[in-house]
PDB file of N, CA and C in Angstrom:
ATOM      1  N   UNK A   1      59.486  73.671 109.812  1.00  0.00           N
ATOM      2  CA  UNK A   1      59.286  72.035 109.171  1.00  0.00           C
ATOM      3  C   UNK A   1      57.907  72.897 108.013  1.00  0.00           C
ATOM      4  N   UNK A   2      58.847  72.246 106.517  1.00  0.00           N
ATOM      5  CA  UNK A   2      57.995  72.506 105.550  1.00  0.00           C
ATOM      6  C   UNK A   2      56.371  71.827 105.475  1.00  0.00           C
ATOM      7  N   UNK A   3      55.233  72.717 105.203  1.00  0.00           N
ATOM      8  CA  UNK A   3      53.854  72.389 105.630  1.00  0.00           C
ATOM      9  C   UNK A   3      53.728  70.880 105.122  1.00  0.00           C
ATOM     10  N   UNK A   4      54.339  70.654 103.676  1.00  0.00           N
ATOM     11  CA  UNK A   4      53.646  69.622 102.989  1.00  0.00           C
ATOM     12  C   UNK A   4      54.428  67.683 103.900  1.00  0.00           C
ATOM     13  N   UNK A   5      55.321  68.182 104.807  1.00  0.00           N
ATOM     14  CA  UNK A   5      56.147  67.153 105.591  1.00  0.00           C
ATOM     15  C   UNK A   5      55.416  67.035 106.753  1.00  0.00           C
ATOM     16  N   UNK A   6      54.656  68.339 107.141  1.00  0.00           N
ATOM     17  CA  UNK A   6      53.880  68.433 108.507  1.00  0.00           C
ATOM     18  C   UNK A   6      52.270  67.789 108.102  1.00  0.00           C
ATOM     19  N   UNK A   7      51.890  67.844 107.071  1.00  0.00           N
ATOM     20  CA  UNK A   7      50.642  67.093 106.568  1.00  0.00           C
ATOM     21  C   UNK A   7      50.909  65.493 106.615  1.00  0.00           C
ATOM     22  N   UNK A   8      52.052  65.338 105.637  1.00  0.00           N
ATOM     23  CA  UNK A   8      52.431  64.037 105.806  1.00  0.00           C
ATOM     24  C   UNK A   8      52.749  63.374 106.952  1.00  0.00           C
ATOM     25  N   UNK A   9      53.415  63.861 108.020  1.00  0.00           N
ATOM     26  CA  UNK A   9      53.508  63.326 109.388  1.00  0.00           C
ATOM     27  C   UNK A   9      52.396  63.116 110.211  1.00  0.00           C
ATOM     28  N   UNK A  10      51.177  64.324 109.776  1.00  0.00           N
ATOM     29  CA  UNK A  10      50.108  64.016 110.336  1.00  0.00           C
ATOM     30  C   UNK A  10      49.204  62.326 109.773  1.00  0.00           C
ATOM     31  N   UNK A  11      49.062  62.370 108.255  1.00  0.00           N
ATOM     32  CA  UNK A  11      48.689  61.463 108.127  1.00  0.00           C
ATOM     33  C   UNK A  11      49.245  60.231 108.214  1.00  0.00           C
ATOM     34  N   UNK A  12      50.860  60.244 108.728  1.00  0.00           N
ATOM     35  CA  UNK A  12      51.276  58.674 109.545  1.00  0.00           C
ATOM     36  C   UNK A  12      50.906  58.723 110.751  1.00  0.00           C
ATOM     37  N   UNK A  13      50.443  59.697 111.181  1.00  0.00           N
ATOM     38  CA  UNK A  13      49.756  59.346 112.739  1.00  0.00           C
ATOM     39  C   UNK A  13      48.702  58.572 112.932  1.00  0.00           C
ATOM     40  N   UNK A  14      48.229  59.350 111.691  1.00  0.00           N
ATOM     41  CA  UNK A  14      46.153  59.126 111.496  1.00  0.00           C
ATOM     42  C   UNK A  14      46.210  57.797 110.851  1.00  0.00           C
ATOM     43  N   UNK A  15      46.768  57.028 109.886  1.00  0.00           N
ATOM     44  CA  UNK A  15      46.682  56.294 108.979  1.00  0.00           C
ATOM     45  C   UNK A  15      47.916  55.483 109.161  1.00  0.00           C
ATOM     46  N   UNK A  16      48.984  55.197 110.001  1.00  0.00           N
ATOM     47  CA  UNK A  16      49.989  54.615 109.741  1.00  0.00           C
ATOM     48  C   UNK A  16      49.906  53.239 109.036  1.00  0.00           C
ATOM     49  N   UNK A  17      48.755  52.834 108.612  1.00  0.00           N
ATOM     50  CA  UNK A  17      48.679  51.180 107.901  1.00  0.00           C
ATOM     51  C   UNK A  17      49.374  51.832 106.181  1.00  0.00           C
ATOM     52  N   UNK A  18      49.107  52.832 106.000  1.00  0.00           N
ATOM     53  CA  UNK A  18      49.383  53.555 104.884  1.00  0.00           C
ATOM     54  C   UNK A  18      50.844  53.537 104.355  1.00  0.00           C
ATOM     55  N   UNK A  19      51.476  53.484 105.510  1.00  0.00           N
ATOM     56  CA  UNK A  19      53.560  53.747 105.076  1.00  0.00           C
ATOM     57  C   UNK A  19      54.113  52.754 105.880  1.00  0.00           C
ATOM     58  N   UNK A  20      53.401  51.310 105.913  1.00  0.00           N
ATOM     59  CA  UNK A  20      53.936  50.272 106.088  1.00  0.00           C
ATOM     60  C   UNK A  20      55.067  49.800 104.970  1.00  0.00           C
ATOM     61  N   UNK A  21      56.008  50.179 105.227  1.00  0.00           N
ATOM     62  CA  UNK A  21      57.234  49.832 103.933  1.00  0.00           C
ATOM     63  C   UNK A  21      57.604  48.364 104.844  1.00  0.00           C
ATOM     64  N   UNK A  22      57.586  47.868 105.878  1.00  0.00           N
ATOM     65  CA  UNK A  22      58.045  46.908 106.426  1.00  0.00           C
ATOM     66  C   UNK A  22      57.323  45.475 105.434  1.00  0.00           C
ATOM     67  N   UNK A  23      56.469  45.463 105.969  1.00  0.00           N
ATOM     68  CA  UNK A  23      55.130  44.202 105.216  1.00  0.00           C
ATOM     69  C   UNK A  23      54.146  44.765 104.488  1.00  0.00           C
ATOM     70  N   UNK A  24      54.502  45.630 103.632  1.00  0.00           N
ATOM     71  CA  UNK A  24      53.758  45.967 102.497  1.00  0.00           C
ATOM     72  C   UNK A  24      53.632  45.023 101.264  1.00  0.00           C
ATOM     73  N   UNK A  25      54.552  44.310 101.242  1.00  0.00           N
ATOM     74  CA  UNK A  25      54.518  43.034 100.043  1.00  0.00           C
ATOM     75  C   UNK A  25      53.369  42.123 100.323  1.00  0.00           C
ATOM     76  N   UNK A  26      53.118  41.638 101.683  1.00  0.00           N
ATOM     77  CA  UNK A  26      52.358  40.511 102.320  1.00  0.00           C
ATOM     78  C   UNK A  26      51.104  40.954 102.790  1.00  0.00           C
ATOM     79  N   UNK A  27      51.001  42.049 102.650  1.00  0.00           N
ATOM     80  CA  UNK A  27      49.746  42.893 103.330  1.00  0.00           C
ATOM     81  C   UNK A  27      48.537  43.313 102.370  1.00  0.00           C
ATOM     82  N   UNK A  28      47.086  43.333 102.757  1.00  0.00           N
ATOM     83  CA  UNK A  28      45.873  43.510 101.871  1.00  0.00           C
ATOM     84  C   UNK A  28      46.082  44.443 101.168  1.00  0.00           C
ATOM     85  N   UNK A  29      46.508  45.382 101.107  1.00  0.00           N
ATOM     86  CA  UNK A  29      46.459  46.967 100.540  1.00  0.00           C
ATOM     87  C   UNK A  29      47.697  47.367 100.375  1.00  0.00           C
ATOM     88  N   UNK A  30      48.698  46.804  99.637  1.00  0.00           N
ATOM     89  CA  UNK A  30      50.213  47.293  99.257  1.00  0.00           C
ATOM     90  C   UNK A  30      50.080  48.077  98.111  1.00  0.00           C
ATOM     91  N   UNK A  31      49.268  49.265  98.325  1.00  0.00           N
ATOM     92  CA  UNK A  31      48.980  49.944  97.197  1.00  0.00           C
ATOM     93  C   UNK A  31      50.072  51.457  96.758  1.00  0.00           C
ATOM     94  N   UNK A  32      51.267  51.140  97.247  1.00  0.00           N
ATOM     95  CA  UNK A  32      52.138  51.922  97.628  1.00  0.00           C
ATOM     96  C   UNK A  32      51.878  53.878  97.105  1.00  0.00           C
ATOM     97  N   UNK A  33      50.794  53.962  97.946  1.00  0.00           N
ATOM     98  CA  UNK A  33      50.203  55.241  97.819  1.00  0.00           C
ATOM     99  C   UNK A  33      51.084  56.429  97.816  1.00  0.00           C
ATOM    100  N   UNK A  34      51.971  56.480  98.648  1.00  0.00           N
ATOM    101  CA  UNK A  34      53.100  57.501  98.879  1.00  0.00           C
ATOM    102  C   UNK A  34      54.303  57.234  98.679  1.00  0.00           C
ATOM    103  N   UNK A  35      54.746  56.180  97.558  1.00  0.00           N
ATOM    104  CA  UNK A  35      55.879  56.288  97.185  1.00  0.00           C
ATOM    105  C   UNK A  35      56.539  57.375  96.455  1.00  0.00           C
ATOM    106  N   UNK A  36      55.807  58.135  96.076  1.00  0.00           N
ATOM    107  CA  UNK A  36      56.374  59.275  95.564  1.00  0.00           C
ATOM    108  C   UNK A  36      56.993  60.471  96.459  1.00  0.00           C
ATOM    109  N   UNK A  37      56.683  60.240  97.514  1.00  0.00           N
ATOM    110  CA  UNK A  37      57.643  61.051  98.270  1.00  0.00           C
ATOM    111  C   UNK A  37      58.483  60.496  99.580  1.00  0.00           C
ATOM    112  N   UNK A  38      57.975  59.469  99.788  1.00  0.00           N
ATOM    113  CA  UNK A  38      58.691  58.151 100.834  1.00  0.00           C
ATOM    114  C   UNK A  38      60.039  57.786 100.213  1.00  0.00           C
ATOM    115  N   UNK A  39      59.948  57.459  98.711  1.00  0.00           N
ATOM    116  CA  UNK A  39      61.170  56.684  98.109  1.00  0.00           C
ATOM    117  C   UNK A  39      62.303  57.928  98.005  1.00  0.00           C
ATOM    118  N   UNK A  40      61.919  59.083  97.572  1.00  0.00           N
ATOM    119  CA  UNK A  40      62.922  60.040  97.370  1.00  0.00           C
ATOM    120  C   UNK A  40      63.398  60.518  98.983  1.00  0.00           C
ATOM    121  N   UNK A  41      62.452  60.488  99.975  1.00  0.00           N
ATOM    122  CA  UNK A  41      63.049  60.788 101.253  1.00  0.00           C
ATOM    123  C   UNK A  41      63.801  59.967 101.484  1.00  0.00           C
ATOM    124  N   UNK A  42      63.543  58.480 101.674  1.00  0.00           N
ATOM    125  CA  UNK A  42      64.577  57.268 102.072  1.00  0.00           C
ATOM    126  C   UNK A  42      65.771  57.815 100.868  1.00  0.00           C
ATOM    127  N   UNK A  43      65.817  58.051  99.722  1.00  0.00           N
ATOM    128  CA  UNK A  43      67.141  57.725  99.083  1.00  0.00           C
ATOM    129  C   UNK A  43      68.067  59.395 100.058  1.00  0.00           C
ATOM    130  N   UNK A  44      67.243  60.032 100.008  1.00  0.00           N
ATOM    131  CA  UNK A  44      68.194  61.108 100.924  1.00  0.00           C
ATOM    132  C   UNK A  44      68.438  61.346 101.867  1.00  0.00           C
ATOM    133  N   UNK A  45      67.477  60.319 103.030  1.00  0.00           N
ATOM    134  CA  UNK A  45      68.119  60.010 104.164  1.00  0.00           C
ATOM    135  C   UNK A  45      69.450  59.292 104.230  1.00  0.00           C
ATOM    136  N   UNK A  46      69.788  58.375 103.223  1.00  0.00           N
ATOM    137  CA  UNK A  46      70.521  57.224 102.903  1.00  0.00           C
ATOM    138  C   UNK A  46      71.715  57.966 102.393  1.00  0.00           C
ATOM    139  N   UNK A  47      71.854  59.211 101.578  1.00  0.00           N
ATOM    140  CA  UNK A  47      72.687  59.916 101.330  1.00  0.00           C
ATOM    141  C   UNK A  47      73.443  60.848 102.558  1.00  0.00           C
ATOM    142  N   UNK A  48      72.483  61.178 103.476  1.00  0.00           N
ATOM    143  CA  UNK A  48      72.926  61.859 104.602  1.00  0.00           C
ATOM    144  C   UNK A  48      73.643  61.147 105.613  1.00  0.00           C
ATOM    145  N   UNK A  49      73.198  59.780 105.656  1.00  0.00           N
ATOM    146  CA  UNK A  49      73.723  58.984 106.173  1.00  0.00           C
ATOM    147  C   UNK A  49      75.553  58.699 105.687  1.00  0.00           C
ATOM    148  N   UNK A  50      75.228  58.501 104.355  1.00  0.00           N
ATOM    149  CA  UNK A  50      76.899  58.252 103.861  1.00  0.00           C
ATOM    150  C   UNK A  50      77.915  59.484 103.738  1.00  0.00           C
ATOM    151  N   UNK A  51      76.957  60.803 103.960  1.00  0.00           N
ATOM    152  CA  UNK A  51      77.692  61.818 103.620  1.00  0.00           C
ATOM    153  C   UNK A  51      77.609  62.330 102.636  1.00  0.00           C
ATOM    154  N   UNK A  52      76.967  61.637 101.426  1.00  0.00           N
ATOM    155  CA  UNK A  52      77.037  62.084 100.053  1.00  0.00           C
ATOM    156  C   UNK A  52      75.987  63.515  99.702  1.00  0.00           C
ATOM    157  N   UNK A  53      76.158  64.189  98.729  1.00  0.00           N
ATOM    158  CA  UNK A  53      75.165  65.573  98.622  1.00  0.00           C
ATOM    159  C   UNK A  53      74.019  64.575  97.752  1.00  0.00           C
ATOM    160  N   UNK A  54      72.581  64.963  98.016  1.00  0.00           N
ATOM    161  CA  UNK A  54      71.585  64.613  97.214  1.00  0.00           C
ATOM    162  C   UNK A  54      70.690  65.839  97.313  1.00  0.00           C
ATOM    163  N   UNK A  55      70.235  65.642  95.769  1.00  0.00           N
ATOM    164  CA  UNK A  55      68.966  67.055  95.863  1.00  0.00           C
ATOM    165  C   UNK A  55      67.737  66.479  95.839  1.00  0.00           C
ATOM    166  N   UNK A  56      67.115  65.248  96.397  1.00  0.00           N
ATOM    167  CA  UNK A  56      65.965  64.528  96.408  1.00  0.00           C
ATOM    168  C   UNK A  56      65.200  65.488  97.608  1.00  0.00           C
ATOM    169  N   UNK A  57      64.173  66.011  97.253  1.00  0.00           N
ATOM    170  CA  UNK A  57      63.571  66.544  98.164  1.00  0.00           C
ATOM    171  C   UNK A  57      64.334  68.105  98.362  1.00  0.00           C
ATOM    172  N   UNK A  58      64.750  68.751  97.726  1.00  0.00           N
ATOM    173  CA  UNK A  58      65.673  69.829  97.875  1.00  0.00           C
ATOM    174  C   UNK A  58      64.977  71.095  98.596  1.00  0.00           C
ATOM    175  N   UNK A  59      63.353  71.030  98.209  1.00  0.00           N
ATOM    176  CA  UNK A  59      63.020  71.891  99.263  1.00  0.00           C
ATOM    177  C   UNK A  59      63.233  72.049 100.774  1.00  0.00           C
ATOM    178  N   UNK A  60      63.473  70.452 101.264  1.00  0.00           N
ATOM    179  CA  UNK A  60      63.496  70.138 102.940  1.00  0.00           C
ATOM    180  C   UNK A  60      65.133  70.447 103.073  1.00  0.00           C
ATOM    181  N   UNK A  61      65.171  71.033 104.391  1.00  0.00           N
ATOM    182  CA  UNK A  61      66.190  70.499 105.354  1.00  0.00           C
ATOM    183  C   UNK A  61      66.911  69.508 105.533  1.00  0.00           C
ATOM    184  N   UNK A  62      68.069  69.179 105.573  1.00  0.00           N
ATOM    185  CA  UNK A  62      68.447  67.769 106.297  1.00  0.00           C
ATOM    186  C   UNK A  62      67.881  67.718 107.996  1.00  0.00           C
ATOM    187  N   UNK A  63      67.592  68.467 108.636  1.00  0.00           N
ATOM    188  CA  UNK A  63      66.911  68.397 110.197  1.00  0.00           C
ATOM    189  C   UNK A  63      65.284  67.988 109.355  1.00  0.00           C
ATOM    190  N   UNK A  64      64.668  68.407 108.548  1.00  0.00           N
ATOM    191  CA  UNK A  64      63.316  68.259 108.163  1.00  0.00           C
ATOM    192  C   UNK A  64      63.364  66.390 107.657  1.00  0.00           C
ATOM    193  N   UNK A  65      64.183  65.832 107.223  1.00  0.00           N
ATOM    194  CA  UNK A  65      64.531  64.856 106.391  1.00  0.00           C
ATOM    195  C   UNK A  65      64.905  63.804 107.530  1.00  0.00           C
ATOM    196  N   UNK A  66      65.306  64.547 108.697  1.00  0.00           N
ATOM    197  CA  UNK A  66      65.373  63.326 109.831  1.00  0.00           C
ATOM    198  C   UNK A  66      64.767  63.193 110.462  1.00  0.00           C
ATOM    199  N   UNK A  67      63.527  64.057 110.622  1.00  0.00           N
ATOM    200  CA  UNK A  67      62.384  64.182 111.285  1.00  0.00           C
ATOM    201  C   UNK A  67      61.459  63.476 111.115  1.00  0.00           C
ATOM    202  N   UNK A  68      61.024  63.530 109.419  1.00  0.00           N
ATOM    203  CA  UNK A  68      59.915  62.468 109.033  1.00  0.00           C
ATOM    204  C   UNK A  68      60.398  61.210 108.827  1.00  0.00           C
ATOM    205  N   UNK A  69      61.848  60.677 108.700  1.00  0.00           N
ATOM    206  CA  UNK A  69      62.534  59.925 108.682  1.00  0.00           C
ATOM    207  C   UNK A  69      62.197  59.094 109.999  1.00  0.00           C
ATOM    208  N   UNK A  70      62.344  59.808 110.900  1.00  0.00           N
ATOM    209  CA  UNK A  70      62.045  58.973 112.525  1.00  0.00           C
ATOM    210  C   UNK A  70      60.650  59.070 112.599  1.00  0.00           C
ATOM    211  N   UNK A  71      59.867  59.376 112.115  1.00  0.00           N
ATOM    212  CA  UNK A  71      58.630  59.245 111.892  1.00  0.00           C
ATOM    213  C   UNK A  71      58.561  58.184 111.652  1.00  0.00           C
ATOM    214  N   UNK A  72      58.701  58.035 110.483  1.00  0.00           N
ATOM    215  CA  UNK A  72      58.499  57.044 109.372  1.00  0.00           C
ATOM    216  C   UNK A  72      59.014  55.276 110.220  1.00  0.00           C
ATOM    217  N   UNK A  73      60.226  55.795 110.755  1.00  0.00           N
ATOM    218  CA  UNK A  73      60.896  54.407 111.353  1.00  0.00           C
ATOM    219  C   UNK A  73      60.480  53.927 112.387  1.00  0.00           C
ATOM    220  N   UNK A  74      59.342  54.832 113.241  1.00  0.00           N
ATOM    221  CA  UNK A  74      58.404  54.937 114.479  1.00  0.00           C
ATOM    222  C   UNK A  74      57.065  54.098 114.122  1.00  0.00           C
ATOM    223  N   UNK A  75      56.473  54.454 112.619  1.00  0.00           N
ATOM    224  CA  UNK A  75      55.709  54.073 112.142  1.00  0.00           C
ATOM    225  C   UNK A  75      55.414  52.347 112.024  1.00  0.00           C
ATOM    226  N   UNK A  76      56.922  52.067 111.231  1.00  0.00           N
ATOM    227  CA  UNK A  76      57.721  50.946 111.145  1.00  0.00           C
ATOM    228  C   UNK A  76      57.371  50.035 112.053  1.00  0.00           C
ATOM    229  N   UNK A  77      57.969  50.724 113.425  1.00  0.00           N
ATOM    230  CA  UNK A  77      58.036  49.725 114.700  1.00  0.00           C
ATOM    231  C   UNK A  77      56.637  49.619 115.045  1.00  0.00           C
ATOM    232  N   UNK A  78      55.681  50.349 115.058  1.00  0.00           N
ATOM    233  CA  UNK A  78      54.291  50.141 115.723  1.00  0.00           C
ATOM    234  C   UNK A  78      53.576  49.378 114.823  1.00  0.00           C
ATOM    235  N   UNK A  79      53.988  49.054 113.476  1.00  0.00           N
ATOM    236  CA  UNK A  79      53.182  47.942 112.551  1.00  0.00           C
ATOM    237  C   UNK A  79      53.860  46.716 113.060  1.00  0.00           C
ATOM    238  N   UNK A  80      55.024  46.744 113.290  1.00  0.00           N
ATOM    239  CA  UNK A  80      55.847  45.447 113.679  1.00  0.00           C
ATOM    240  C   UNK A  80      55.119  44.971 114.989  1.00  0.00           C
ATOM    241  N   UNK A  81      54.957  45.663 115.819  1.00  0.00           N
ATOM    242  CA  UNK A  81      54.635  45.588 117.200  1.00  0.00           C
ATOM    243  C   UNK A  81      52.886  44.820 117.132  1.00  0.00           C
ATOM    244  N   UNK A  82      52.227  45.770 116.101  1.00  0.00           N
ATOM    245  CA  UNK A  82      50.944  45.175 115.779  1.00  0.00           C
ATOM    246  C   UNK A  82      50.673  44.002 115.023  1.00  0.00           C
ATOM    247  N   UNK A  83      51.903  43.669 114.295  1.00  0.00           N
ATOM    248  CA  UNK A  83      51.667  42.321 113.538  1.00  0.00           C
ATOM    249  C   UNK A  83      52.037  41.363 114.424  1.00  0.00           C
ATOM    250  N   UNK A  84      52.579  41.635 115.336  1.00  0.00           N
ATOM    251  CA  UNK A  84      53.405  40.516 116.076  1.00  0.00           C
ATOM    252  C   UNK A  84      52.104  40.167 117.393  1.00  0.00           C
ATOM    253  N   UNK A  85      51.511  41.383 117.754  1.00  0.00           N
ATOM    254  CA  UNK A  85      50.653  40.886 118.691  1.00  0.00           C
ATOM    255  C   UNK A  85      49.263  40.020 118.240  1.00  0.00           C
ATOM    256  N   UNK A  86      48.968  40.442 116.890  1.00  0.00           N
ATOM    257  CA  UNK A  86      48.154  40.109 116.181  1.00  0.00           C
ATOM    258  C   UNK A  86      48.370  38.345 116.269  1.00  0.00           C
ATOM    259  N   UNK A  87      49.686  37.962 115.563  1.00  0.00           N
ATOM    260  CA  UNK A  87      50.064  36.868 115.746  1.00  0.00           C
ATOM    261  C   UNK A  87      50.000  35.692 116.864  1.00  0.00           C
ATOM    262  N   UNK A  88      50.324  36.850 117.901  1.00  0.00           N
ATOM    263  CA  UNK A  88      50.188  36.227 119.416  1.00  0.00           C
ATOM    264  C   UNK A  88      48.605  36.060 119.948  1.00  0.00           C
ATOM    265  N   UNK A  89      47.702  36.591 119.432  1.00  0.00           N
ATOM    266  CA  UNK A  89      46.472  36.561 119.597  1.00  0.00           C
ATOM    267  C   UNK A  89      45.934  35.484 118.819  1.00  0.00           C
ATOM    268  N   UNK A  90      46.940  35.163 117.896  1.00  0.00           N
ATOM    269  CA  UNK A  90      45.989  34.016 116.704  1.00  0.00           C
ATOM    270  C   UNK A  90      46.375  33.005 117.595  1.00  0.00           C
ATOM    271  N   UNK A  91      47.475  32.704 118.127  1.00  0.00           N
ATOM    272  CA  UNK A  91      48.007  31.721 118.850  1.00  0.00           C
ATOM    273  C   UNK A  91      46.953  31.732 119.616  1.00  0.00           C
ATOM    274  N   UNK A  92      46.720  32.383 120.672  1.00  0.00           N
ATOM    275  CA  UNK A  92      45.764  32.259 121.461  1.00  0.00           C
ATOM    276  C   UNK A  92      44.667  31.708 121.313  1.00  0.00           C
ATOM    277  N   UNK A  93      43.926  31.950 120.046  1.00  0.00           N
ATOM    278  CA  UNK A  93      42.708  31.583 119.667  1.00  0.00           C
ATOM    279  C   UNK A  93      42.822  30.112 119.122  1.00  0.00           C
ATOM    280  N   UNK A  94      43.706  29.773 118.891  1.00  0.00           N
ATOM    281  CA  UNK A  94      44.202  28.346 118.275  1.00  0.00           C
ATOM    282  C   UNK A  94      44.572  27.309 119.222  1.00  0.00           C
ATOM    283  N   UNK A  95      45.247  28.058 120.850  1.00  0.00           N
ATOM    284  CA  UNK A  95      45.260  27.315 121.820  1.00  0.00           C
ATOM    285  C   UNK A  95      44.070  27.179 122.794  1.00  0.00           C
ATOM    286  N   UNK A  96      42.926  28.444 122.562  1.00  0.00           N
ATOM    287  CA  UNK A  96      41.571  27.845 123.350  1.00  0.00           C
ATOM    288  C   UNK A  96      40.822  27.188 122.603  1.00  0.00           C
ATOM    289  N   UNK A  97      40.711  27.066 121.390  1.00  0.00           N
ATOM    290  CA  UNK A  97      39.980  26.115 120.764  1.00  0.00           C
ATOM    291  C   UNK A  97      40.014  24.980 120.156  1.00  0.00           C
ATOM    292  N   UNK A  98      41.391  24.618 120.374  1.00  0.00           N
ATOM    293  CA  UNK A  98      42.108  23.042 119.887  1.00  0.00           C
ATOM    294  C   UNK A  98      42.071  22.315 121.422  1.00  0.00           C
ATOM    295  N   UNK A  99      42.102  20.736 121.280  1.00  0.00           N
ATOM    296  CA  UNK A  99      41.880  20.137 122.250  1.00  0.00           C
ATOM    297  C   UNK A  99      43.358  20.113 122.603  1.00  0.00           C
ATOM    298  N   UNK A 100      43.597  19.740 123.859  1.00  0.00           N
ATOM    299  CA  UNK A 100      44.713  19.812 124.476  1.00  0.00           C
ATOM    300  C   UNK A 100      45.243  18.935 124.627  1.00  0.00           C
ATOM    301  N   UNK A 101      44.630  17.394 124.606  1.00  0.00           N
ATOM    302  CA  UNK A 101      45.307  16.008 124.962  1.00  0.00           C
ATOM    303  C   UNK A 101      46.024  16.286 126.024  1.00  0.00           C
ATOM    304  N   UNK A 102      47.009  15.161 126.574  1.00  0.00           N
ATOM    305  CA  UNK A 102      47.850  15.361 127.423  1.00  0.00           C
ATOM    306  C   UNK A 102      47.249  15.653 128.944  1.00  0.00           C
ATOM    307  N   UNK A 103      45.620  15.052 129.221  1.00  0.00           N
ATOM    308  CA  UNK A 103      45.113  15.273 130.445  1.00  0.00           C
ATOM    309  C   UNK A 103      44.550  16.594 130.637  1.00  0.00           C
ATOM    310  N   UNK A 104      44.716  17.598 129.580  1.00  0.00           N
ATOM    311  CA  UNK A 104      43.845  18.664 129.935  1.00  0.00           C
ATOM    312  C   UNK A 104      45.317  19.996 130.057  1.00  0.00           C
ATOM    313  N   UNK A 105      46.653  19.412 129.881  1.00  0.00           N
ATOM    314  CA  UNK A 105      47.456  20.157 129.921  1.00  0.00           C
ATOM    315  C   UNK A 105      47.871  20.599 128.469  1.00  0.00           C
ATOM    316  N   UNK A 106      48.517  21.608 128.178  1.00  0.00           N
ATOM    317  CA  UNK A 106      48.990  21.815 127.202  1.00  0.00           C
ATOM    318  C   UNK A 106      50.807  21.854 126.897  1.00  0.00           C
ATOM    319  N   UNK A 107      51.300  21.534 125.951  1.00  0.00           N
ATOM    320  CA  UNK A 107      52.613  21.082 126.108  1.00  0.00           C
ATOM    321  C   UNK A 107      53.142  22.265 126.436  1.00  0.00           C
ATOM    322  N   UNK A 108      54.093  22.481 127.777  1.00  0.00           N
ATOM    323  CA  UNK A 108      54.901  23.548 128.412  1.00  0.00           C
ATOM    324  C   UNK A 108      54.456  23.900 129.402  1.00  0.00           C
ATOM    325  N   UNK A 109      52.828  22.980 129.992  1.00  0.00           N
ATOM    326  CA  UNK A 109      52.481  23.032 131.555  1.00  0.00           C
ATOM    327  C   UNK A 109      51.302  24.039 130.936  1.00  0.00           C
ATOM    328  N   UNK A 110      51.040  24.412 132.282  1.00  0.00           N
ATOM    329  CA  UNK A 110      49.615  25.370 132.579  1.00  0.00           C
ATOM    330  C   UNK A 110      49.939  26.552 132.222  1.00  0.00           C
ATOM    331  N   UNK A 111      49.388  27.462 131.632  1.00  0.00           N
ATOM    332  CA  UNK A 111      49.864  28.811 131.183  1.00  0.00           C
ATOM    333  C   UNK A 111      48.795  29.693 131.817  1.00  0.00           C
TER     334      UNK A 111
END
């Protein structure tokens, strides 16, 4: 693995929020810090899927591009899970704090 990609993947592991492509446009820190390498990586991966040649990040093998792409997709999945859990926790706070009405039962029965 090229050293630059090892460093990048380690950063993905330690700071996944910096690589949130899925929700970047609605998060508080959409600085696009890593776009200089992520965009050509994505373009190269897309070319690989289409079976077309690409000179993006030519210093990387197809296997290295695949490994980094898989790590990036893992980060996207983890970020999505985190956001879903945050939304569920937010709902839990609303359920606990809000008056329940209907004789103490929340809609849908006791949970």
